Amino acid sequence: MMFNLKKIAEWQKAVSGTSYIFTSAKARRLRLNVNSTGKVAAYLADQETGELVLLGAADIGMFEIEAHVAGDSLVQFEFEDGTEVFFAGHAPSHQVEKRDIEKFTSVAPMPARNTEFDRMMMVMRHNENERQRVFQEQQEKLAAQQAAAQQPAPVAPAPAAPTTETGPDTAPETETTENEE
């Protein structure tokens, strides 16, 4: 069996019949860890009437009580003489309250502009625009070349073949070479 005591410094020794106050401005969850050597009962006391409402009772050992309470709470433990009771749970409320009123600040003034820097930025933008323009022209020229290369070349009509007349009056011409003579 393991007991998780967390922070030892938060544990307090309880006195039977004494009320312990847990302060809170708003409704919150009240969680108490109790460690006892005998029978113990924990009560929630009404601040106005003093009436006790039983939160829980247990025998020897550790137990935890959790309740949702509105505002400040009074907790009282009842146990027999010779019994030691320790409790932890005085955790402050986890709710955050707005502490300061709203503050409005003025916007920081803009520093004076550097004219040399502005001129350099203007030249840089001009150069970039010029590069973009040249690049666009090259892209258009390349696209036109590719489109021209993809179009089939027009087919020209074939020239008429020369006709040679061969007949009884004409003999076919033969070529002679020098070696034949």
Protein backbone atom coordinates (compact mmCIF):
# COMPACT_ATOMS: atom_id res chain seq x y z
CA MET A 1 0.00 0.00 0.00
CA MET A 2 1.32 3.45 -0.89
CA PHE A 3 0.34 6.79 0.61
CA ASN A 4 0.88 9.87 -1.52
CA LEU A 5 1.28 12.72 0.97
CA LYS A 6 2.51 15.26 -1.61
CA LYS A 7 3.81 18.35 0.24
CA ILE A 8 4.39 17.55 3.90
CA ALA A 9 4.49 21.25 4.83
CA GLU A 10 0.81 21.62 3.86
CA TRP A 11 -0.37 19.07 6.43
CA GLN A 12 -1.79 20.44 9.72
CA LYS A 13 -2.61 18.68 12.94
CA ALA A 14 -6.31 18.95 13.75
CA VAL A 15 -7.75 19.66 17.19
CA SER A 16 -11.10 18.04 17.95
CA GLY A 17 -13.98 20.54 17.94
CA THR A 18 -11.94 23.39 16.38
CA SER A 19 -13.19 24.98 13.14
CA TYR A 20 -10.75 25.60 10.32
CA ILE A 21 -11.60 28.28 7.77
CA PHE A 22 -10.99 27.91 4.07
CA THR A 23 -11.40 31.28 2.38
CA SER A 24 -12.61 31.88 -1.15
CA ALA A 25 -14.34 34.82 -2.80
CA LYS A 26 -16.39 32.59 -5.10
CA ALA A 27 -17.83 29.10 -5.22
CA ARG A 28 -15.09 26.50 -5.51
CA ARG A 29 -14.16 22.89 -4.94
CA LEU A 30 -12.93 22.09 -1.44
CA ARG A 31 -10.72 19.00 -1.27
CA LEU A 32 -9.41 17.70 2.05
CA ASN A 33 -6.95 14.87 2.53
CA VAL A 34 -7.27 13.41 6.01
CA ASN A 35 -4.92 10.98 7.77
CA SER A 36 -6.01 9.63 11.14
CA THR A 37 -4.98 7.03 13.71
CA GLY A 38 -8.58 6.42 14.81
CA LYS A 39 -12.22 7.13 13.97
CA VAL A 40 -12.79 10.67 12.73
CA ALA A 41 -15.75 12.65 11.39
CA ALA A 42 -15.46 15.81 9.30
CA TYR A 43 -18.20 18.45 9.36
CA LEU A 44 -18.92 21.57 7.32
CA ALA A 45 -20.16 24.37 9.57
CA ASP A 46 -22.65 27.00 8.42
CA GLN A 47 -21.08 30.40 9.17
CA GLU A 48 -24.38 32.11 10.01
CA THR A 49 -26.15 29.46 12.06
CA GLY A 50 -23.19 27.34 13.16
CA GLU A 51 -25.07 24.19 12.16
CA LEU A 52 -22.79 21.24 11.33
CA VAL A 53 -23.30 19.15 8.18
CA LEU A 54 -21.48 15.81 8.04
CA LEU A 55 -19.01 15.68 5.16
CA GLY A 56 -17.66 12.23 5.88
CA ALA A 57 -16.44 9.81 8.51
CA ALA A 58 -13.77 7.15 8.39
CA ASP A 59 -11.76 4.74 10.45
CA ILE A 60 -7.98 4.49 10.69
CA GLY A 61 -5.99 5.59 7.62
CA MET A 62 -6.11 8.11 4.84
CA PHE A 63 -9.20 9.35 3.06
CA GLU A 64 -10.19 12.27 0.89
CA ILE A 65 -13.24 14.51 1.10
CA GLU A 66 -14.33 16.68 -1.80
CA ALA A 67 -17.22 19.15 -1.83
CA HIS A 68 -18.28 22.19 -3.82
CA VAL A 69 -18.81 25.14 -1.52
CA ALA A 70 -19.87 28.74 -2.02
CA GLY A 71 -17.44 31.28 -0.57
CA ASP A 72 -15.66 30.80 2.77
CA SER A 73 -15.97 27.40 4.45
CA LEU A 74 -15.61 26.26 8.04
CA VAL A 75 -14.51 22.65 8.52
CA GLN A 76 -14.54 20.93 11.90
CA PHE A 77 -13.18 17.51 12.87
CA GLU A 78 -14.56 15.36 15.71
CA PHE A 79 -12.55 12.43 17.07
CA GLU A 80 -11.81 10.63 20.37
CA ASP A 81 -8.97 11.50 22.72
CA GLY A 82 -5.72 9.75 21.86
CA THR A 83 -6.46 9.88 18.14
CA GLU A 84 -4.21 12.01 15.98
CA VAL A 85 -5.67 13.61 12.86
CA PHE A 86 -3.77 15.47 10.19
CA PHE A 87 -5.35 17.20 7.21
CA ALA A 88 -4.20 18.98 4.06
CA GLY A 89 -6.23 20.86 1.57
CA HIS A 90 -5.88 24.52 2.19
CA ALA A 91 -5.24 24.98 -1.51
CA PRO A 92 -6.13 28.49 -2.59
CA SER A 93 -8.79 29.00 -5.20
CA HIS A 94 -7.61 28.42 -8.73
CA GLN A 95 -9.74 31.22 -10.09
CA VAL A 96 -7.96 34.33 -11.28
CA GLU A 97 -9.45 37.72 -10.57
CA LYS A 98 -8.88 40.89 -12.51
CA ARG A 99 -6.82 43.08 -10.20
CA ASP A 100 -5.97 46.18 -12.24
CA ILE A 101 -8.17 48.47 -14.21
CA GLU A 102 -7.71 48.54 -17.96
CA LYS A 103 -4.82 50.63 -19.14
CA PHE A 104 -4.60 52.13 -22.57
CA THR A 105 -1.26 52.97 -24.06
CA SER A 106 -0.39 55.04 -27.07
CA VAL A 107 1.19 53.55 -30.12
CA ALA A 108 4.94 54.08 -30.34
CA PRO A 109 5.83 56.82 -32.82
CA MET A 110 7.32 55.69 -36.10
CA PRO A 111 11.02 56.49 -36.45
CA ALA A 112 12.09 58.79 -39.26
CA ARG A 113 12.55 56.94 -42.52
CA ASN A 114 16.01 56.60 -43.97
CA THR A 115 16.01 58.13 -47.46
CA GLU A 116 19.07 56.13 -48.54
CA PHE A 117 17.29 52.93 -47.54
CA ASP A 118 14.17 54.01 -49.44
CA ARG A 119 16.25 54.73 -52.56
CA MET A 120 17.96 51.34 -52.28
CA MET A 121 14.58 49.60 -51.94
CA MET A 122 13.25 51.50 -54.99
CA VAL A 123 16.26 50.42 -57.11
CA MET A 124 15.87 46.86 -55.88
CA ARG A 125 12.16 46.80 -56.84
CA HIS A 126 12.99 48.31 -60.27
CA ASN A 127 15.66 45.64 -60.88
CA GLU A 128 13.29 42.88 -59.82
CA ASN A 129 10.57 44.20 -62.14
CA GLU A 130 13.07 44.39 -65.00
CA ARG A 131 14.17 40.79 -64.36
CA GLN A 132 10.54 39.69 -64.34
CA ARG A 133 9.86 41.51 -67.63
CA VAL A 134 12.91 39.94 -69.37
CA PHE A 135 12.00 36.52 -67.99
CA GLN A 136 8.42 36.90 -69.29
CA GLU A 137 9.69 37.87 -72.76
CA GLN A 138 12.01 34.85 -72.83
CA GLN A 139 9.16 32.57 -71.78
CA GLU A 140 6.92 33.94 -74.55
CA LYS A 141 9.69 33.58 -77.17
CA LEU A 142 10.38 29.99 -76.07
CA ALA A 143 6.69 29.14 -76.15
CA ALA A 144 6.43 30.55 -79.70
CA GLN A 145 9.45 28.50 -80.81
CA GLN A 146 8.00 25.33 -79.31
CA ALA A 147 4.64 25.98 -80.94
CA ALA A 148 6.35 26.52 -84.30
CA ALA A 149 8.38 23.32 -83.90
CA GLN A 150 5.28 21.28 -83.15
CA GLN A 151 3.37 22.43 -86.25
CA PRO A 152 3.94 20.17 -89.25
CA ALA A 153 5.79 21.81 -92.16
CA PRO A 154 3.56 22.58 -95.16
CA VAL A 155 3.91 20.00 -97.87
CA ALA A 156 4.95 21.56 -101.23
CA PRO A 157 3.65 19.96 -104.43
CA ALA A 158 6.18 17.58 -105.93
CA PRO A 159 7.86 18.91 -109.12
CA ALA A 160 6.79 17.24 -112.31
CA ALA A 161 9.13 14.50 -113.40
CA PRO A 162 10.98 15.25 -116.64
CA THR A 163 9.76 13.22 -119.52
CA THR A 164 12.05 11.85 -122.11
CA GLU A 165 10.73 10.97 -125.39
CA THR A 166 12.04 7.86 -126.88
CA GLY A 167 11.07 6.99 -130.29
CA PRO A 168 12.44 5.89 -133.55
CA ASP A 169 14.03 9.25 -134.21
CA THR A 170 15.57 9.67 -130.85
CA ALA A 171 18.03 7.39 -129.25
CA PRO A 172 18.56 7.30 -125.59
CA GLU A 173 21.45 9.26 -124.48
CA THR A 174 24.19 7.43 -122.78
CA GLU A 175 26.96 8.82 -120.87
CA THR A 176 30.43 8.06 -121.87
CA THR A 177 33.39 8.13 -119.70
CA GLU A 178 36.95 8.82 -120.68
CA ASN A 179 38.03 5.28 -120.01
CA GLU A 180 35.65 3.94 -122.63
CA GLU A 181 37.26 5.89 -125.45
